[in-house]
C-alpha cells in the first residue's frame, strides 16, 4: 500500500534529502517551503505522515497540523526543528506528535522513527495518546526516541545537579502536574540517581515526552538493586522500571500527563 508524506522545511537541501530518503521506501512525498504552501497542499491531499517545523512563515506548524488532521485524524506527525525548547516540545505534545527531533540529526534516525510509526499502525492501528507504555516504548526511549525536553549530568549533591533538579521540577509543573506530584517525581529521580551513581557520584539523565507520558531516563555505572528500586517506586506511587537497551542499563521514571 502506497503511503503519502508531506515534508515542510525552509531549507531546500533538507526537503530534497528527506524526499529522496523516503521515496526509496515507497512513500509518495510532497514538499513545501513554508506554512502557506503546505496549507494549500493539505487542502488537496490527505497525508499519512507529515514532517514539519512549528515556527515558520505563513501558516504556523500548529495550525498546519490541525488542518492536516481534519483531513486525516490518524496523521502521524514529526516535529523537526532547529530551535528546541520546552515550550515548543509542549506544543508538540498537545498536538500528539509522534516525535520531536532537533536539527542536526541523523537521517537514519528519522527513517527509523517513521518506520516505527508505520509498524504500529499496521499492527494495532493508530495508538491513542496515554495508552500504557510497553517495554518496547521504554527501550525506544532509552535509544533516543521521544520529544526531547532536557538532559543533564547528575553528580549529587553537586550544586549544578541541584540546579538541574530544579529545572526538572519546573518541567513537571510546566507540563501541568500538581506541585506535590512534581515533588514526588523529582524525589524518585534523586533516589534513582543515587542507585546508579558510583563512588564518584557520576550519572546522567534525560527527559522526553512519548505517547502522552513524560519519561526521565537515568543511567550510571552501578548495578541497580531491583528490590530497592521497587520499594522506592511503591512508596512514592510513581512508575519506575529498569530498562536495558543497546547495552545501556538505566532506570526510567514515567508519568502520564
Protein backbone atom coordinates (compact mmCIF):
# COMPACT_ATOMS: atom_id res chain seq x y z
CA UNK A 1 0.00 0.00 0.00
CA UNK A 2 1.43 3.36 -1.05
CA UNK A 3 1.61 5.98 1.71
CA UNK A 4 1.89 9.72 1.33
CA UNK A 5 4.03 12.20 3.23
CA UNK A 6 4.33 15.97 3.43
CA UNK A 7 7.74 17.48 4.27
CA UNK A 8 7.72 21.15 5.33
CA UNK A 9 11.06 22.93 5.77
CA UNK A 10 12.51 26.23 4.61
CA UNK A 11 15.86 24.60 3.77
CA UNK A 12 15.83 23.20 0.25
CA UNK A 13 18.64 20.71 0.94
CA UNK A 14 16.65 19.18 3.83
CA UNK A 15 13.48 18.94 1.71
CA UNK A 16 15.41 17.26 -1.09
CA UNK A 17 17.24 14.84 1.22
CA UNK A 18 14.05 13.74 3.02
CA UNK A 19 12.16 13.39 -0.25
CA UNK A 20 14.85 11.12 -1.67
CA UNK A 21 15.17 9.17 1.59
CA UNK A 22 11.51 8.27 1.92
CA UNK A 23 10.78 7.81 -1.78
CA UNK A 24 13.31 4.96 -1.64
CA UNK A 25 10.94 3.26 0.80
CA UNK A 26 7.93 3.71 -1.47
CA UNK A 27 6.47 6.88 0.02
CA UNK A 28 4.77 9.45 -2.20
CA UNK A 29 6.42 12.65 -0.95
CA UNK A 30 5.31 16.26 -1.40
CA UNK A 31 7.42 19.18 -0.15
CA UNK A 32 6.65 22.73 0.94
CA UNK A 33 8.94 25.62 1.87
CA UNK A 34 6.54 27.39 4.26
CA UNK A 35 3.24 27.08 6.07
CA UNK A 36 1.09 28.68 3.37
CA UNK A 37 2.38 26.39 0.63
CA UNK A 38 1.94 23.40 2.94
CA UNK A 39 -1.63 24.53 3.76
CA UNK A 40 -2.55 24.52 0.06
CA UNK A 41 -1.15 21.02 -0.34
CA UNK A 42 -3.09 19.84 2.72
CA UNK A 43 -6.31 21.13 1.17
CA UNK A 44 -5.67 18.95 -1.87
CA UNK A 45 -4.36 15.78 -0.18
CA UNK A 46 -4.94 13.61 2.90
CA UNK A 47 -1.44 12.66 4.08
CA UNK A 48 -0.44 9.67 6.22
CA UNK A 49 2.61 11.38 7.76
CA UNK A 50 3.99 14.89 8.00
CA UNK A 51 7.41 16.23 8.98
CA UNK A 52 7.26 19.92 9.87
CA UNK A 53 8.63 22.73 11.98
CA UNK A 54 6.31 24.62 14.35
CA UNK A 55 7.63 28.15 13.72
CA UNK A 56 7.74 29.16 10.05
CA UNK A 57 6.50 31.86 7.66
CA UNK A 58 2.80 31.87 6.85
CA UNK A 59 0.62 29.24 8.46
CA UNK A 60 2.17 28.10 11.75
CA UNK A 61 3.06 24.48 12.38
CA UNK A 62 0.30 24.21 14.98
CA UNK A 63 -2.33 25.49 12.51
CA UNK A 64 -0.95 23.28 9.75
CA UNK A 65 -1.09 20.12 11.87
CA UNK A 66 -4.68 20.84 12.90
CA UNK A 67 -5.66 21.47 9.31
CA UNK A 68 -3.99 18.26 8.11
CA UNK A 69 -5.63 16.23 10.88
CA UNK A 70 -9.03 17.49 9.76
CA UNK A 71 -8.29 15.55 6.57
CA UNK A 72 -6.83 12.51 8.34
CA UNK A 73 -7.33 12.10 12.09
CA UNK A 74 -4.70 9.34 12.19
CA UNK A 75 -1.98 11.53 10.67
CA UNK A 76 1.49 10.84 12.07
CA UNK A 77 3.47 14.00 12.86
CA UNK A 78 7.16 14.53 13.43
CA UNK A 79 8.28 17.99 14.52
CA UNK A 80 11.74 18.77 13.13
CA UNK A 81 13.20 21.99 14.49
CA UNK A 82 16.47 23.82 14.83
CA UNK A 83 15.22 25.74 17.87
CA UNK A 84 14.22 23.20 20.51
CA UNK A 85 12.66 24.46 23.73
CA UNK A 86 10.39 23.19 26.46
CA UNK A 87 7.61 25.42 25.11
CA UNK A 88 7.75 24.01 21.56
CA UNK A 89 8.08 20.48 22.96
CA UNK A 90 4.88 21.02 24.96
CA UNK A 91 3.21 22.32 21.79
CA UNK A 92 4.24 19.09 20.07
CA UNK A 93 2.84 17.06 22.96
CA UNK A 94 -0.51 18.83 22.83
CA UNK A 95 -0.68 18.08 19.11
CA UNK A 96 0.02 14.38 19.83
CA UNK A 97 3.20 14.45 17.74
CA UNK A 98 4.76 11.05 17.16
CA UNK A 99 8.23 12.50 17.69
CA UNK A 100 10.11 15.78 18.11
CA UNK A 101 13.60 15.98 16.66
CA UNK A 102 16.23 18.69 16.87
CA UNK A 103 18.45 19.59 13.90
CA UNK A 104 21.01 18.47 13.03
CA UNK A 105 20.07 14.83 13.25
CA UNK A 106 20.88 11.56 11.52
CA UNK A 107 18.59 10.70 8.62
CA UNK A 108 18.78 7.08 9.75
CA UNK A 109 17.03 8.08 13.00
CA UNK A 110 14.24 9.86 11.10
CA UNK A 111 13.78 6.80 8.91
CA UNK A 112 13.70 4.53 11.97
CA UNK A 113 11.08 6.63 13.77
CA UNK A 114 8.80 6.92 10.74
CA UNK A 115 9.17 3.17 10.23
CA UNK A 116 8.15 2.57 13.85
CA UNK A 117 5.00 4.65 13.30
CA UNK A 118 4.04 2.62 10.23
CA UNK A 119 4.74 -0.64 12.05
CA UNK A 120 2.48 0.38 14.93
CA UNK A 121 -0.34 1.42 12.61
CA UNK A 122 -0.12 -1.84 10.66
CA UNK A 123 -0.02 -3.97 13.81
CA UNK A 124 -2.56 -2.36 16.12
CA UNK A 125 -3.90 0.75 14.38
CA UNK A 126 -3.04 4.30 15.34
CA UNK A 127 -2.18 4.43 19.05
CA UNK A 128 -4.07 6.78 21.29
CA UNK A 129 -2.22 9.24 23.47
CA UNK A 130 -1.86 7.96 27.02
CA UNK A 131 -2.08 4.23 26.28
CA UNK A 132 0.02 2.17 28.72
CA UNK A 133 3.70 2.20 27.85
CA UNK A 134 5.13 -1.06 26.56
CA UNK A 135 8.60 -2.41 27.22
CA UNK A 136 9.43 -1.57 23.62
CA UNK A 137 8.43 2.08 24.20
CA UNK A 138 10.86 2.28 27.11
CA UNK A 139 13.66 0.66 25.10
CA UNK A 140 13.00 3.10 22.23
CA UNK A 141 13.17 5.97 24.70
CA UNK A 142 16.49 4.74 26.08
CA UNK A 143 17.69 4.58 22.48
CA UNK A 144 16.86 8.26 21.93
CA UNK A 145 13.19 8.28 20.91
CA UNK A 146 10.66 10.79 22.15
CA UNK A 147 10.14 14.53 22.36
CA UNK A 148 13.37 15.70 24.00
CA UNK A 149 12.93 18.13 26.91
CA UNK A 150 16.21 18.28 28.81
CA UNK A 151 19.31 16.35 29.77
CA UNK A 152 21.97 16.79 32.42
CA UNK A 153 24.86 15.16 34.23
CA UNK A 154 23.89 14.42 37.81
CA UNK A 155 26.60 14.41 40.49
CA UNK A 156 24.79 14.64 43.80
CA UNK A 157 24.98 16.76 45.88
CA UNK A 158 26.87 18.95 43.42
CA UNK A 159 25.33 22.41 43.04
CA UNK A 160 24.93 22.09 39.31
CA UNK A 161 22.87 18.95 39.87
CA UNK A 162 20.63 20.85 42.25
CA UNK A 163 20.08 23.42 39.51
CA UNK A 164 19.24 20.61 37.10
CA UNK A 165 16.78 19.07 39.57
CA UNK A 166 15.13 22.47 39.95
CA UNK A 167 14.78 22.57 36.17
CA UNK A 168 13.30 19.07 36.29
CA UNK A 169 10.72 20.24 38.83
CA UNK A 170 9.92 23.26 36.65
CA UNK A 171 9.45 20.94 33.68
CA UNK A 172 6.95 18.75 35.56
CA UNK A 173 4.90 21.73 36.70
CA UNK A 174 5.06 23.31 33.22
CA UNK A 175 3.54 20.10 31.89
CA UNK A 176 0.57 20.61 34.21
CA UNK A 177 1.42 18.30 37.12
CA UNK A 178 0.46 19.40 40.63
CA UNK A 179 3.32 20.72 42.79
CA UNK A 180 3.06 17.77 45.21
CA UNK A 181 3.18 15.24 42.38
CA UNK A 182 6.11 17.06 40.76
CA UNK A 183 7.94 16.88 44.10
CA UNK A 184 7.36 13.10 44.29
CA UNK A 185 8.72 12.64 40.77
CA UNK A 186 11.81 14.72 41.50
CA UNK A 187 12.38 12.76 44.73
CA UNK A 188 12.22 9.46 42.85
CA UNK A 189 14.70 10.81 40.28
CA UNK A 190 17.08 11.84 43.09
CA UNK A 191 16.89 8.36 44.62
CA UNK A 192 17.31 6.73 41.20
CA UNK A 193 20.47 8.80 40.63
CA UNK A 194 21.81 7.56 43.96
CA UNK A 195 21.07 3.97 42.90
CA UNK A 196 23.04 4.14 39.64
CA UNK A 197 25.88 6.51 40.59
CA UNK A 198 29.27 5.08 41.53
CA UNK A 199 31.75 6.34 44.13
CA UNK A 200 32.44 9.47 42.10
CA UNK A 201 28.71 10.22 42.03
CA UNK A 202 28.52 10.17 38.23
CA UNK A 203 25.17 9.64 36.47
CA UNK A 204 23.27 11.15 33.56
CA UNK A 205 19.60 11.91 32.99
CA UNK A 206 17.39 12.70 30.00
CA UNK A 207 13.73 13.68 29.91
CA UNK A 208 11.36 13.27 26.97
CA UNK A 209 7.71 13.05 26.04
CA UNK A 210 6.43 9.86 24.44
CA UNK A 211 2.84 8.85 23.70
CA UNK A 212 1.29 11.06 26.37
CA UNK A 213 3.89 10.37 29.08
CA UNK A 214 6.84 12.29 30.43
CA UNK A 215 9.81 9.98 30.94
CA UNK A 216 13.10 10.53 32.72
CA UNK A 217 15.88 8.06 31.96
CA UNK A 218 18.69 7.86 34.49
CA UNK A 219 21.84 5.87 33.79
CA UNK A 220 25.11 5.25 35.56
CA UNK A 221 27.80 2.61 36.10
CA UNK A 222 26.43 0.91 39.22
CA UNK A 223 24.36 -2.30 39.10
CA UNK A 224 20.85 -1.39 40.23
CA UNK A 225 19.32 -3.14 43.23
CA UNK A 226 15.94 -4.00 41.74
CA UNK A 227 14.21 -4.70 45.06
CA UNK A 228 15.24 -1.30 46.39
CA UNK A 229 14.01 0.41 43.22
CA UNK A 230 10.66 -1.38 43.58
CA UNK A 231 10.31 -0.30 47.22
CA UNK A 232 11.10 3.35 46.41
CA UNK A 233 8.70 3.35 43.46
CA UNK A 234 5.89 1.84 45.55
CA UNK A 235 6.48 4.28 48.44
CA UNK A 236 6.14 7.30 46.16
CA UNK A 237 3.45 5.80 43.93
CA UNK A 238 5.47 6.51 40.79
CA UNK A 239 6.21 4.05 37.98
CA UNK A 240 9.95 3.34 37.69
CA UNK A 241 11.40 0.43 35.73
CA UNK A 242 14.83 -0.97 34.99
CA UNK A 243 15.43 -0.95 31.22
CA UNK A 244 18.24 -2.40 29.09
CA UNK A 245 18.61 -1.05 25.56
CA UNK A 246 21.59 -1.17 23.20
CA UNK A 247 23.91 -2.16 26.03
CA UNK A 248 22.82 0.76 28.21
CA UNK A 249 21.16 -0.05 31.53
CA UNK A 250 19.09 2.61 33.22
CA UNK A 251 16.08 3.48 35.31
CA UNK A 252 13.09 5.02 33.52
CA UNK A 253 10.66 7.08 35.57
CA UNK A 254 7.33 7.70 33.80
CA UNK A 255 4.18 9.70 34.46
CA UNK A 256 1.08 10.13 32.31
CA UNK A 257 0.27 13.76 31.55
